[in-house]
Structure formats: structure tokens, C-alpha cells
Amino acid sequence: MATTDSFIQYVCEQLKDAGVIRSRKMFGEYMVYVDDLPVVLVCNDIVYVKMHDCIGDLMKDAQTGVPYDGAKSHYILDIDDKDFSCTVVKLLKEVTPMPKKKKK
């Protein structure tokens, strides 16, 4: 089951207080960018964030899962909790590098 358009819109709306939000469809699923940083994966209507030390204490009780075959385990973010989700995303934003530009 692929992520629905309405769900990705909901995710983006929930995260709007974390920065400038945009989503990009990739391989049938979505990457959500915050201030042009790839911070959130949305696959099968589930919101994933990288397991990073900066959010380890906040996410210690969170479920984990694999967003796609071959991926490392990620935390599953409770996107319904807007304030918590924005807090997590803001922390991840601080440690996420800007994607490298593709060479032509």
C-alpha cells in the first residue's frame, strides 16, 4: 500500500511549525524536506525518522520499523502529536547535512 496524497498532506501540515516543508515523491513513497533538508520518510502511510543520538532519549519508547527493503531500522514518529513531531524534526534538522548537488 503506497502513501496516500491526503496522508502526505496531513504530515506536511503537522510539521509546518518546524520550518519550510515540502515533499517529494520518490520510488512511489515520499521524502519530506524541512528547510531543504531530507528529514522524514513516509512509506505506506507511516512516518519514519532516522535513529540519531540527538533524539534517542525522546524516542526511547517509540516503535521502530524498516521503511523499505534494504533500509536500516528507523523510529516511527507519532505524527498525530504535532508538538512532539515538530520537536523531533527540529532536533534532526540540526544534524542533517544538506544534500549534495548532483553533478551534470
N, C-alpha and C. Protein backbone atom coordinates (compact mmCIF):
# COMPACT_ATOMS: atom_id res chain seq x y z
N MET A 1 0.85 -1.18 0.00
CA MET A 1 0.00 0.00 0.00
C MET A 1 0.89 1.24 0.00
N ALA A 2 0.78 2.04 -0.99
CA ALA A 2 1.56 3.27 -1.08
C ALA A 2 0.94 4.38 -0.23
N THR A 3 1.73 5.37 0.08
CA THR A 3 1.25 6.51 0.85
C THR A 3 0.22 7.29 0.03
N THR A 4 -0.85 7.67 0.68
CA THR A 4 -1.91 8.42 0.00
C THR A 4 -1.57 9.91 -0.04
N ASP A 5 -2.11 10.59 -1.03
CA ASP A 5 -1.90 12.03 -1.15
C ASP A 5 -2.43 12.76 0.09
N SER A 6 -3.57 12.33 0.58
CA SER A 6 -4.14 13.00 1.75
C SER A 6 -3.26 12.82 2.99
N PHE A 7 -2.63 11.66 3.12
CA PHE A 7 -1.76 11.45 4.28
C PHE A 7 -0.50 12.31 4.20
N ILE A 8 0.11 12.40 3.03
CA ILE A 8 1.32 13.23 2.93
C ILE A 8 0.99 14.70 3.16
N GLN A 9 -0.18 15.13 2.74
CA GLN A 9 -0.61 16.50 3.02
C GLN A 9 -0.78 16.71 4.53
N TYR A 10 -1.34 15.72 5.20
CA TYR A 10 -1.52 15.78 6.65
C TYR A 10 -0.16 15.86 7.36
N VAL A 11 0.79 15.04 6.93
CA VAL A 11 2.13 15.05 7.53
C VAL A 11 2.76 16.43 7.37
N CYS A 12 2.69 16.97 6.17
CA CYS A 12 3.27 18.30 5.91
C CYS A 12 2.59 19.38 6.76
N GLU A 13 1.30 19.29 6.92
CA GLU A 13 0.56 20.25 7.74
C GLU A 13 0.99 20.13 9.21
N GLN A 14 1.15 18.92 9.70
CA GLN A 14 1.55 18.71 11.09
C GLN A 14 2.95 19.25 11.37
N LEU A 15 3.82 19.26 10.36
CA LEU A 15 5.20 19.67 10.55
C LEU A 15 5.49 21.12 10.19
N LYS A 16 4.48 21.87 9.80
CA LYS A 16 4.72 23.23 9.28
C LYS A 16 5.37 24.16 10.28
N ASP A 17 5.24 23.90 11.58
CA ASP A 17 5.87 24.75 12.58
C ASP A 17 7.36 24.44 12.76
N ALA A 18 7.86 23.40 12.08
CA ALA A 18 9.27 23.03 12.20
C ALA A 18 10.15 23.72 11.16
N GLY A 19 9.53 24.37 10.18
CA GLY A 19 10.30 25.05 9.14
C GLY A 19 9.52 25.05 7.83
N VAL A 20 10.23 25.33 6.75
CA VAL A 20 9.61 25.31 5.42
C VAL A 20 9.53 23.85 4.97
N ILE A 21 8.32 23.39 4.72
CA ILE A 21 8.07 21.98 4.45
C ILE A 21 7.73 21.78 2.97
N ARG A 22 8.33 20.75 2.39
CA ARG A 22 7.93 20.31 1.06
C ARG A 22 8.13 18.80 1.01
N SER A 23 7.38 18.16 0.14
CA SER A 23 7.52 16.72 0.00
C SER A 23 7.87 16.41 -1.45
N ARG A 24 8.52 15.27 -1.62
CA ARG A 24 8.90 14.84 -2.96
C ARG A 24 8.63 13.35 -3.08
N LYS A 25 7.92 12.98 -4.12
CA LYS A 25 7.63 11.58 -4.35
C LYS A 25 8.89 10.90 -4.88
N MET A 26 9.23 9.81 -4.23
CA MET A 26 10.43 9.06 -4.61
C MET A 26 10.11 7.57 -4.56
N PHE A 27 10.22 6.91 -5.67
CA PHE A 27 10.00 5.46 -5.74
C PHE A 27 8.63 5.06 -5.21
N GLY A 28 7.63 5.90 -5.44
CA GLY A 28 6.28 5.61 -5.01
C GLY A 28 5.97 6.03 -3.59
N GLU A 29 6.98 6.46 -2.85
CA GLU A 29 6.78 6.94 -1.49
C GLU A 29 7.29 8.38 -1.41
N TYR A 30 7.48 8.91 -0.20
CA TYR A 30 7.79 10.32 -0.08
C TYR A 30 8.96 10.60 0.85
N MET A 31 9.71 11.64 0.50
CA MET A 31 10.69 12.25 1.39
C MET A 31 10.11 13.61 1.73
N VAL A 32 10.12 13.95 3.02
CA VAL A 32 9.68 15.27 3.45
C VAL A 32 10.92 16.07 3.83
N TYR A 33 11.03 17.23 3.20
CA TYR A 33 12.16 18.13 3.43
C TYR A 33 11.72 19.25 4.37
N VAL A 34 12.59 19.57 5.30
CA VAL A 34 12.36 20.67 6.23
C VAL A 34 13.52 21.65 6.03
N ASP A 35 13.19 22.85 5.57
CA ASP A 35 14.23 23.83 5.24
C ASP A 35 15.25 23.22 4.26
N ASP A 36 14.74 22.48 3.29
CA ASP A 36 15.52 21.82 2.23
C ASP A 36 16.40 20.67 2.72
N LEU A 37 16.20 20.21 3.94
CA LEU A 37 16.93 19.06 4.48
C LEU A 37 16.03 17.83 4.46
N PRO A 38 16.52 16.69 3.97
CA PRO A 38 15.71 15.47 3.95
C PRO A 38 15.63 14.86 5.34
N VAL A 39 14.53 15.09 6.03
CA VAL A 39 14.45 14.71 7.45
C VAL A 39 13.48 13.56 7.71
N VAL A 40 12.41 13.45 6.93
CA VAL A 40 11.34 12.50 7.23
C VAL A 40 11.05 11.63 6.01
N LEU A 41 10.92 10.33 6.23
CA LEU A 41 10.47 9.41 5.19
C LEU A 41 9.03 9.01 5.49
N VAL A 42 8.21 8.96 4.47
CA VAL A 42 6.84 8.50 4.65
C VAL A 42 6.61 7.36 3.66
N CYS A 43 6.39 6.17 4.20
CA CYS A 43 6.20 4.98 3.40
C CYS A 43 4.99 4.22 3.94
N ASN A 44 4.08 3.88 3.04
CA ASN A 44 2.88 3.12 3.42
C ASN A 44 2.11 3.80 4.55
N ASP A 45 2.00 5.12 4.47
CA ASP A 45 1.29 5.92 5.47
C ASP A 45 1.88 5.79 6.88
N ILE A 46 3.18 5.55 6.95
CA ILE A 46 3.91 5.50 8.22
C ILE A 46 5.04 6.52 8.12
N VAL A 47 5.25 7.28 9.20
CA VAL A 47 6.26 8.34 9.22
C VAL A 47 7.50 7.83 9.95
N TYR A 48 8.63 7.88 9.26
CA TYR A 48 9.89 7.38 9.79
C TYR A 48 10.91 8.51 9.92
N VAL A 49 11.71 8.43 10.98
CA VAL A 49 12.86 9.32 11.13
C VAL A 49 14.07 8.47 11.49
N LYS A 50 15.24 8.96 11.08
CA LYS A 50 16.49 8.25 11.35
C LYS A 50 16.72 8.10 12.83
N MET A 51 17.31 6.98 13.21
CA MET A 51 17.70 6.77 14.60
C MET A 51 18.99 7.56 14.82
N HIS A 52 18.89 8.65 15.51
CA HIS A 52 20.05 9.51 15.76
C HIS A 52 20.15 9.78 17.25
N ASP A 53 21.39 9.92 17.72
CA ASP A 53 21.62 10.15 19.15
C ASP A 53 20.86 11.36 19.68
N CYS A 54 20.72 12.39 18.86
CA CYS A 54 20.10 13.64 19.34
C CYS A 54 18.62 13.47 19.70
N ILE A 55 18.00 12.42 19.22
CA ILE A 55 16.58 12.19 19.56
C ILE A 55 16.38 10.88 20.32
N GLY A 56 17.47 10.21 20.64
CA GLY A 56 17.38 8.90 21.30
C GLY A 56 16.55 8.91 22.57
N ASP A 57 16.76 9.90 23.43
CA ASP A 57 16.01 9.97 24.69
C ASP A 57 14.52 10.24 24.43
N LEU A 58 14.24 11.13 23.50
CA LEU A 58 12.83 11.44 23.18
C LEU A 58 12.10 10.25 22.58
N MET A 59 12.82 9.46 21.78
CA MET A 59 12.18 8.38 21.02
C MET A 59 12.38 7.00 21.65
N LYS A 60 12.88 6.96 22.89
CA LYS A 60 13.22 5.68 23.51
C LYS A 60 12.03 4.71 23.59
N ASP A 61 10.82 5.23 23.66
CA ASP A 61 9.65 4.37 23.75
C ASP A 61 8.93 4.21 22.41
N ALA A 62 9.50 4.79 21.36
CA ALA A 62 8.85 4.74 20.04
C ALA A 62 9.01 3.37 19.40
N GLN A 63 8.06 3.04 18.57
CA GLN A 63 8.19 1.83 17.75
C GLN A 63 9.26 2.07 16.71
N THR A 64 9.80 1.00 16.21
CA THR A 64 10.78 1.10 15.12
C THR A 64 10.30 0.26 13.96
N GLY A 65 10.85 0.54 12.80
CA GLY A 65 10.49 -0.22 11.62
C GLY A 65 11.44 0.08 10.49
N VAL A 66 11.28 -0.66 9.42
CA VAL A 66 12.11 -0.51 8.23
C VAL A 66 11.22 0.07 7.13
N PRO A 67 11.55 1.27 6.64
CA PRO A 67 10.66 1.91 5.67
C PRO A 67 10.60 1.23 4.30
N TYR A 68 11.67 0.56 3.91
CA TYR A 68 11.69 -0.15 2.63
C TYR A 68 12.75 -1.24 2.70
N ASP A 69 12.67 -2.21 1.82
CA ASP A 69 13.62 -3.31 1.81
C ASP A 69 15.05 -2.79 1.68
N GLY A 70 15.91 -3.28 2.54
CA GLY A 70 17.31 -2.90 2.50
C GLY A 70 17.66 -1.69 3.36
N ALA A 71 16.65 -1.03 3.91
CA ALA A 71 16.90 0.15 4.74
C ALA A 71 17.27 -0.27 6.16
N LYS A 72 17.96 0.63 6.86
CA LYS A 72 18.24 0.42 8.27
C LYS A 72 16.96 0.70 9.05
N SER A 73 16.92 0.23 10.29
CA SER A 73 15.77 0.48 11.15
C SER A 73 15.67 1.98 11.46
N HIS A 74 14.44 2.47 11.49
CA HIS A 74 14.15 3.88 11.78
C HIS A 74 13.14 3.92 12.94
N TYR A 75 13.08 5.07 13.60
CA TYR A 75 12.00 5.31 14.55
C TYR A 75 10.73 5.62 13.77
N ILE A 76 9.60 5.21 14.32
CA ILE A 76 8.30 5.58 13.76
C ILE A 76 7.79 6.76 14.57
N LEU A 77 7.54 7.86 13.87
CA LEU A 77 7.14 9.11 14.51
C LEU A 77 5.62 9.18 14.62
N ASP A 78 5.13 9.51 15.81
CA ASP A 78 3.69 9.69 16.04
C ASP A 78 3.30 11.06 15.49
N ILE A 79 2.97 11.11 14.23
CA ILE A 79 2.69 12.37 13.55
C ILE A 79 1.42 13.04 14.07
N ASP A 80 0.56 12.29 14.74
CA ASP A 80 -0.65 12.88 15.31
C ASP A 80 -0.33 13.82 16.47
N ASP A 81 0.83 13.63 17.10
CA ASP A 81 1.28 14.52 18.17
C ASP A 81 2.13 15.61 17.53
N LYS A 82 1.48 16.68 17.13
CA LYS A 82 2.11 17.75 16.36
C LYS A 82 3.30 18.38 17.08
N ASP A 83 3.14 18.75 18.34
CA ASP A 83 4.21 19.41 19.08
C ASP A 83 5.43 18.50 19.22
N PHE A 84 5.20 17.25 19.57
CA PHE A 84 6.29 16.29 19.71
C PHE A 84 6.99 16.07 18.37
N SER A 85 6.22 15.90 17.32
CA SER A 85 6.79 15.68 15.99
C SER A 85 7.66 16.85 15.56
N CYS A 86 7.19 18.06 15.80
CA CYS A 86 7.96 19.25 15.43
C CYS A 86 9.25 19.34 16.25
N THR A 87 9.18 18.98 17.52
CA THR A 87 10.37 18.98 18.37
C THR A 87 11.41 18.01 17.83
N VAL A 88 10.99 16.80 17.51
CA VAL A 88 11.89 15.78 16.97
C VAL A 88 12.50 16.26 15.65
N VAL A 89 11.67 16.78 14.77
CA VAL A 89 12.15 17.22 13.45
C VAL A 89 13.12 18.39 13.58
N LYS A 90 12.85 19.31 14.49
CA LYS A 90 13.77 20.44 14.69
C LYS A 90 15.14 19.95 15.17
N LEU A 91 15.16 18.96 16.04
CA LEU A 91 16.44 18.41 16.51
C LEU A 91 17.18 17.70 15.38
N LEU A 92 16.45 16.94 14.58
CA LEU A 92 17.08 16.25 13.45
C LEU A 92 17.60 17.23 12.41
N LYS A 93 16.90 18.32 12.24
CA LYS A 93 17.31 19.34 11.28
C LYS A 93 18.71 19.85 11.60
N GLU A 94 19.03 19.93 12.88
CA GLU A 94 20.33 20.45 13.31
C GLU A 94 21.49 19.53 12.94
N VAL A 95 21.22 18.24 12.76
CA VAL A 95 22.30 17.28 12.49
C VAL A 95 22.23 16.67 11.10
N THR A 96 21.26 17.07 10.31
CA THR A 96 21.11 16.53 8.96
C THR A 96 21.89 17.40 7.98
N PRO A 97 22.80 16.78 7.24
CA PRO A 97 23.57 17.57 6.27
C PRO A 97 22.73 17.94 5.05
N MET A 98 23.10 19.05 4.44
CA MET A 98 22.46 19.47 3.20
C MET A 98 22.83 18.45 2.12
N PRO A 99 21.84 17.99 1.33
CA PRO A 99 22.16 17.05 0.26
C PRO A 99 23.13 17.67 -0.74
N LYS A 100 24.02 16.82 -1.25
CA LYS A 100 24.98 17.29 -2.24
C LYS A 100 24.27 17.49 -3.59
N LYS A 101 24.66 18.51 -4.28
CA LYS A 101 24.13 18.78 -5.61
C LYS A 101 24.65 17.71 -6.57
N LYS A 102 23.79 17.23 -7.44
CA LYS A 102 24.21 16.25 -8.45
C LYS A 102 25.01 16.96 -9.53
N LYS A 103 26.10 16.34 -9.92
CA LYS A 103 26.93 16.89 -10.99
C LYS A 103 26.32 16.53 -12.33
N LYS A 104 26.37 17.47 -13.23
CA LYS A 104 25.83 17.23 -14.58
C LYS A 104 26.91 16.79 -15.52
